[in-house]
Structures are given as C-alpha cells and as structure tokens.
C-alpha atoms as a PDB file:
ATOM      1  CA  MET A   1     103.836  73.598  69.225  1.00  0.00           C
ATOM      2  CA  LYS A   2     103.893  70.615  71.571  1.00  0.00           C
ATOM      3  CA  HIS A   3     106.849  70.415  73.939  1.00  0.00           C
ATOM      4  CA  TYR A   4     105.796  67.231  75.753  1.00  0.00           C
ATOM      5  CA  ASP A   5     104.452  63.906  74.558  1.00  0.00           C
ATOM      6  CA  LEU A   6     103.004  60.899  76.317  1.00  0.00           C
ATOM      7  CA  THR A   7     105.946  58.594  75.680  1.00  0.00           C
ATOM      8  CA  GLY A   8     108.749  60.863  76.843  1.00  0.00           C
ATOM      9  CA  TYR A   9     107.041  62.605  79.750  1.00  0.00           C
ATOM     10  CA  SER A  10     108.794  62.518  83.101  1.00  0.00           C
ATOM     11  CA  VAL A  11     107.948  64.568  86.133  1.00  0.00           C
ATOM     12  CA  HIS A  12     111.624  65.505  86.470  1.00  0.00           C
ATOM     13  CA  ASN A  13     111.605  67.422  83.176  1.00  0.00           C
ATOM     14  CA  SER A  14     108.123  68.878  83.625  1.00  0.00           C
ATOM     15  CA  ILE A  15     108.182  72.672  83.746  1.00  0.00           C
ATOM     16  CA  GLY A  16     105.337  72.627  86.270  1.00  0.00           C
ATOM     17  CA  TYR A  17     107.174  70.292  88.635  1.00  0.00           C
ATOM     18  CA  LEU A  18     110.452  72.200  88.270  1.00  0.00           C
ATOM     19  CA  MET A  19     108.800  75.572  88.921  1.00  0.00           C
ATOM     20  CA  ARG A  20     106.940  74.216  91.955  1.00  0.00           C
ATOM     21  CA  ARG A  21     110.079  72.555  93.340  1.00  0.00           C
ATOM     22  CA  GLY A  22     112.178  75.681  92.828  1.00  0.00           C
ATOM     23  CA  ALA A  23     109.519  77.946  94.328  1.00  0.00           C
ATOM     24  CA  SER A  24     109.119  75.643  97.342  1.00  0.00           C
ATOM     25  CA  LEU A  25     112.848  75.473  98.008  1.00  0.00           C
ATOM     26  CA  LEU A  26     113.247  79.224  97.606  1.00  0.00           C
ATOM     27  CA  ARG A  27     110.296  79.937  99.887  1.00  0.00           C
ATOM     28  CA  GLU A  28     111.654  77.582 102.581  1.00  0.00           C
ATOM     29  CA  GLN A  29     115.011  79.345 102.487  1.00  0.00           C
ATOM     30  CA  LEU A  30     113.413  82.801 102.526  1.00  0.00           C
ATOM     31  CA  GLU A  31     111.220  81.824 105.468  1.00  0.00           C
ATOM     32  CA  ALA A  32     114.339  80.653 107.322  1.00  0.00           C
ATOM     33  CA  SER A  33     116.036  83.986 106.511  1.00  0.00           C
ATOM     34  CA  PHE A  34     113.099  85.776 108.146  1.00  0.00           C
ATOM     35  CA  SER A  35     113.270  83.767 111.389  1.00  0.00           C
ATOM     36  CA  ASP A  36     114.602  86.780 113.338  1.00  0.00           C
ATOM     37  CA  ALA A  37     113.043  89.534 111.207  1.00  0.00           C
ATOM     38  CA  GLY A  38     109.987  90.304 113.330  1.00  0.00           C
ATOM     39  CA  VAL A  39     107.693  89.425 110.411  1.00  0.00           C
ATOM     40  CA  THR A  40     107.238  86.263 108.416  1.00  0.00           C
ATOM     41  CA  PHE A  41     108.257  86.070 104.794  1.00  0.00           C
ATOM     42  CA  VAL A  42     104.575  85.861 103.757  1.00  0.00           C
ATOM     43  CA  GLN A  43     103.808  89.021 105.741  1.00  0.00           C
ATOM     44  CA  TRP A  44     106.768  90.800 104.148  1.00  0.00           C
ATOM     45  CA  ALA A  45     105.760  89.570 100.667  1.00  0.00           C
ATOM     46  CA  THR A  46     102.284  91.016 101.253  1.00  0.00           C
ATOM     47  CA  LEU A  47     103.774  94.355 102.285  1.00  0.00           C
ATOM     48  CA  ILE A  48     106.087  94.648  99.287  1.00  0.00           C
ATOM     49  CA  LEU A  49     103.350  93.580  96.877  1.00  0.00           C
ATOM     50  CA  LEU A  50     101.210  96.328  98.354  1.00  0.00           C
ATOM     51  CA  ARG A  51     104.090  98.801  97.993  1.00  0.00           C
ATOM     52  CA  ASP A  52     104.505  97.918  94.324  1.00  0.00           C
ATOM     53  CA  ASN A  53     100.726  97.860  93.657  1.00  0.00           C
ATOM     54  CA  PRO A  54      99.200 100.486  95.963  1.00  0.00           C
ATOM     55  CA  LEU A  55      95.701 100.374  94.447  1.00  0.00           C
ATOM     56  CA  LEU A  56      95.103  96.674  95.034  1.00  0.00           C
ATOM     57  CA  THR A  57      92.270  95.646  97.288  1.00  0.00           C
ATOM     58  CA  GLN A  58      92.523  92.975  99.943  1.00  0.00           C
ATOM     59  CA  ALA A  59      90.744  90.566  97.578  1.00  0.00           C
ATOM     60  CA  ASP A  60      93.193  91.422  94.758  1.00  0.00           C
ATOM     61  CA  LEU A  61      96.201  90.733  96.984  1.00  0.00           C
ATOM     62  CA  CYS A  62      94.696  87.472  98.185  1.00  0.00           C
ATOM     63  CA  ARG A  63      94.197  86.308  94.578  1.00  0.00           C
ATOM     64  CA  ASP A  64      97.648  87.503  93.492  1.00  0.00           C
ATOM     65  CA  LEU A  65      99.354  85.655  96.332  1.00  0.00           C
ATOM     66  CA  ARG A  66      97.173  82.571  95.731  1.00  0.00           C
ATOM     67  CA  HIS A  67      96.247  82.608  99.402  1.00  0.00           C
ATOM     68  CA  ASP A  68      93.217  81.112 101.135  1.00  0.00           C
ATOM     69  CA  SER A  69      90.825  84.015 101.819  1.00  0.00           C
ATOM     70  CA  GLY A  70      90.277  83.154 105.483  1.00  0.00           C
ATOM     71  CA  ALA A  71      93.986  82.779 106.176  1.00  0.00           C
ATOM     72  CA  PHE A  72      94.700  85.974 104.259  1.00  0.00           C
ATOM     73  CA  THR A  73      92.151  87.903 106.336  1.00  0.00           C
ATOM     74  CA  ARG A  74      93.959  86.704 109.473  1.00  0.00           C
ATOM     75  CA  LEU A  75      97.290  87.784 107.969  1.00  0.00           C
ATOM     76  CA  VAL A  76      95.878  91.242 107.168  1.00  0.00           C
ATOM     77  CA  ASP A  77      94.441  91.437 110.699  1.00  0.00           C
ATOM     78  CA  GLN A  78      97.923  90.748 112.107  1.00  0.00           C
ATOM     79  CA  LEU A  79      99.540  93.382 109.878  1.00  0.00           C
ATOM     80  CA  GLU A  80      96.892  95.916 110.850  1.00  0.00           C
ATOM     81  CA  ARG A  81      97.263  95.183 114.593  1.00  0.00           C
ATOM     82  CA  ARG A  82     101.013  95.749 114.225  1.00  0.00           C
ATOM     83  CA  ASP A  83     100.328  99.074 112.462  1.00  0.00           C
ATOM     84  CA  LEU A  84     102.075  97.942 109.271  1.00  0.00           C
ATOM     85  CA  ILE A  85      98.992  98.461 107.112  1.00  0.00           C
ATOM     86  CA  GLN A  86      95.701 100.279 107.316  1.00  0.00           C
ATOM     87  CA  ARG A  87      92.370  99.145 105.890  1.00  0.00           C
ATOM     88  CA  VAL A  88      90.473 101.845 104.010  1.00  0.00           C
ATOM     89  CA  ARG A  89      87.050 101.471 102.404  1.00  0.00           C
ATOM     90  CA  SER A  90      87.148 102.224  98.696  1.00  0.00           C
ATOM     91  CA  ASP A  91      85.498 105.470  97.644  1.00  0.00           C
ATOM     92  CA  ALA A  92      84.381 103.827  94.389  1.00  0.00           C
ATOM     93  CA  ASP A  93      82.899 100.695  96.013  1.00  0.00           C
ATOM     94  CA  ARG A  94      82.183 100.742  99.752  1.00  0.00           C
ATOM     95  CA  ARG A  95      82.131  96.920  99.784  1.00  0.00           C
ATOM     96  CA  SER A  96      85.769  96.908  98.708  1.00  0.00           C
ATOM     97  CA  VAL A  97      88.633  97.354 101.141  1.00  0.00           C
ATOM     98  CA  GLN A  98      91.938  98.851 100.056  1.00  0.00           C
ATOM     99  CA  LEU A  99      95.080  98.314 102.063  1.00  0.00           C
ATOM    100  CA  HIS A 100      97.534 101.143 102.631  1.00  0.00           C
ATOM    101  CA  LEU A 101     101.052 100.849 103.959  1.00  0.00           C
ATOM    102  CA  THR A 102     101.869 102.786 107.088  1.00  0.00           C
ATOM    103  CA  ASP A 103     105.259 104.349 107.745  1.00  0.00           C
ATOM    104  CA  ALA A 104     106.058 101.338 109.930  1.00  0.00           C
ATOM    105  CA  GLY A 105     105.094  99.031 107.046  1.00  0.00           C
ATOM    106  CA  ARG A 106     107.418 100.882 104.660  1.00  0.00           C
ATOM    107  CA  ALA A 107     110.222 100.692 107.225  1.00  0.00           C
ATOM    108  CA  THR A 108     109.638  96.939 107.638  1.00  0.00           C
ATOM    109  CA  ILE A 109     109.973  96.471 103.886  1.00  0.00           C
ATOM    110  CA  GLU A 110     113.226  98.403 103.716  1.00  0.00           C
ATOM    111  CA  THR A 111     114.711  96.752 106.816  1.00  0.00           C
ATOM    112  CA  ASN A 112     114.107  93.251 105.467  1.00  0.00           C
ATOM    113  CA  LEU A 113     114.716  93.835 101.755  1.00  0.00           C
ATOM    114  CA  PRO A 114     118.394  92.817 102.093  1.00  0.00           C
ATOM    115  CA  LEU A 115     117.306  89.353 103.317  1.00  0.00           C
ATOM    116  CA  VAL A 116     115.410  88.769 100.072  1.00  0.00           C
ATOM    117  CA  VAL A 117     118.005  90.324  97.784  1.00  0.00           C
ATOM    118  CA  ASP A 118     120.803  88.300  99.387  1.00  0.00           C
ATOM    119  CA  ARG A 119     118.819  85.033  99.183  1.00  0.00           C
ATOM    120  CA  LEU A 120     117.907  85.609  95.525  1.00  0.00           C
ATOM    121  CA  ASN A 121     121.505  86.486  94.675  1.00  0.00           C
ATOM    122  CA  GLN A 122     122.674  83.275  96.360  1.00  0.00           C
ATOM    123  CA  ALA A 123     120.094  81.219  94.469  1.00  0.00           C
ATOM    124  CA  LEU A 124     121.172  82.772  91.160  1.00  0.00           C
ATOM    125  CA  ALA A 125     124.924  82.791  91.843  1.00  0.00           C
ATOM    126  CA  ASP A 126     125.670  80.358  88.988  1.00  0.00           C
ATOM    127  CA  PHE A 127     123.691  82.385  86.429  1.00  0.00           C
ATOM    128  CA  THR A 128     124.969  85.196  84.224  1.00  0.00           C
ATOM    129  CA  PRO A 129     123.080  88.504  84.152  1.00  0.00           C
ATOM    130  CA  ALA A 130     121.837  87.605  80.656  1.00  0.00           C
ATOM    131  CA  GLU A 131     120.549  84.242  81.896  1.00  0.00           C
ATOM    132  CA  VAL A 132     118.703  85.889  84.801  1.00  0.00           C
ATOM    133  CA  ALA A 133     117.149  88.413  82.407  1.00  0.00           C
ATOM    134  CA  ALA A 134     116.103  85.626  80.006  1.00  0.00           C
ATOM    135  CA  PHE A 135     114.750  83.465  82.851  1.00  0.00           C
ATOM    136  CA  THR A 136     112.733  86.400  84.219  1.00  0.00           C
ATOM    137  CA  SER A 137     111.409  87.230  80.764  1.00  0.00           C
ATOM    138  CA  LEU A 138     110.400  83.636  80.054  1.00  0.00           C
ATOM    139  CA  LEU A 139     108.646  83.209  83.398  1.00  0.00           C
ATOM    140  CA  THR A 140     106.844  86.532  82.905  1.00  0.00           C
ATOM    141  CA  ARG A 141     105.653  85.377  79.468  1.00  0.00           C
ATOM    142  CA  MET A 142     104.477  82.054  80.812  1.00  0.00           C
ATOM    143  CA  ILE A 143     102.596  83.706  83.688  1.00  0.00           C
ATOM    144  CA  ALA A 144     100.945  86.149  81.283  1.00  0.00           C
ATOM    145  CA  ARG A 145      99.849  83.219  79.093  1.00  0.00           C
ATOM    146  CA  LEU A 146      98.458  81.301  82.076  1.00  0.00           C
ATOM    147  CA  GLU A 147      96.641  84.396  83.388  1.00  0.00           C
ATOM    148  CA  PHE A 148      95.137  84.974  79.938  1.00  0.00           C
ATOM    149  CA  GLU A 149      93.938  81.371  79.795  1.00  0.00           C
ATOM    150  CA  SER A 150      92.558  81.599  83.358  1.00  0.00           C
ATOM    151  CA  ALA A 151      90.651  84.773  82.478  1.00  0.00           C
ATOM    152  CA  GLY A 152      89.152  83.038  79.445  1.00  0.00           C
ATOM    153  CA  THR A 153      88.121  80.053  81.548  1.00  0.00           C
ATOM    154  CA  ALA A 154      86.556  82.342  84.162  1.00  0.00           C
ATOM    155  CA  HIS A 155      84.601  84.259  81.497  1.00  0.00           C
ATOM    156  CA  ALA A 156      83.397  81.010  79.937  1.00  0.00           C
ATOM    157  CA  ALA A 157      82.223  79.729  83.339  1.00  0.00           C
ATOM    158  CA  GLU A 158      80.332  82.985  83.984  1.00  0.00           C
ATOM    159  CA  ALA A 159      78.618  82.745  80.593  1.00  0.00           C
ATOM    160  CA  HIS A 160      77.505  79.123  81.206  1.00  0.00           C
ATOM    161  CA  PRO A 161      76.588  78.778  84.887  1.00  0.00           C
END
C-alpha cells in the first residue's frame, strides 16, 4: 500500500521528517535536563542501553545508537575512566569487547532515570495511555520493518561486492 504520492507530498506530513523533528526536539530537551547530572544524556543513554542489553559489544552499542565509531570509542573511554563501565574481552571472540556496567554505572542510571521519565511524561502529557501504547507499538513495528530491510540490503551487498 502506498501512503505517499508525488503530487501530495509535503515534508511537513512526511513520517521521516516528523520522526526526526520530534527526536531532535526531545533529545535537545533531555540534554538540557542533564546539564547538572554529572553525565551527558548520550552517556546516560549508553549506560541504560547496556543495562537493558548486557551482552552487547561495544560495536553493537555503537550501531544501535547510530553513533560514529571514533566518537563512540571516546565516549566509552570517558565512561571507563569514570568507572561507570568496564571493558572485557569476549571469551567467544577475543577481538570483540563487551562492556559491563559497574556499580557506579548502575547508580548513575538510577540517579538520573527520573530526569528521563519526567521529560517523557511532559512530552506525552496530551496523550492518553492507549495513544502512547499505540504510538510505541507503531514505532516498534516501523523500526522492525526498517531493520529487516537494512539487513536484506546488507546481505545483498555482501553477496555482490
């Protein structure tokens, strides 16, 4: 099913533009909320993603966060220097580095979680619980579809170098 056509397309009703605009505004506001937190929002987001996905490698986290690999290595270096994470070589693949939260990293997550919860609740204040559940479900479906398509594109590129 086609939801857009050439004659009626406008950037202001494009799902891509709207998602990007909403994500940018939300990120700006979250970063401002973290101004006195002792960590940046991106650092905190890395920590909580690691908490919720403890088996991810540094490369996995970098891809998931859509971060530049060099900048992400610097971010991980900062977190490690602050004793919020620990790098551990994978037993299965010594070339792979897993990141583990330290007790200080877990405490940082918990201390700053209210900043994120409050900001999200403010952003969604005009939505009903059912609307938030539907919005979350729809975004999750769209992301799954895009990840599936990306995986297919990556496999096709590997097959035809």
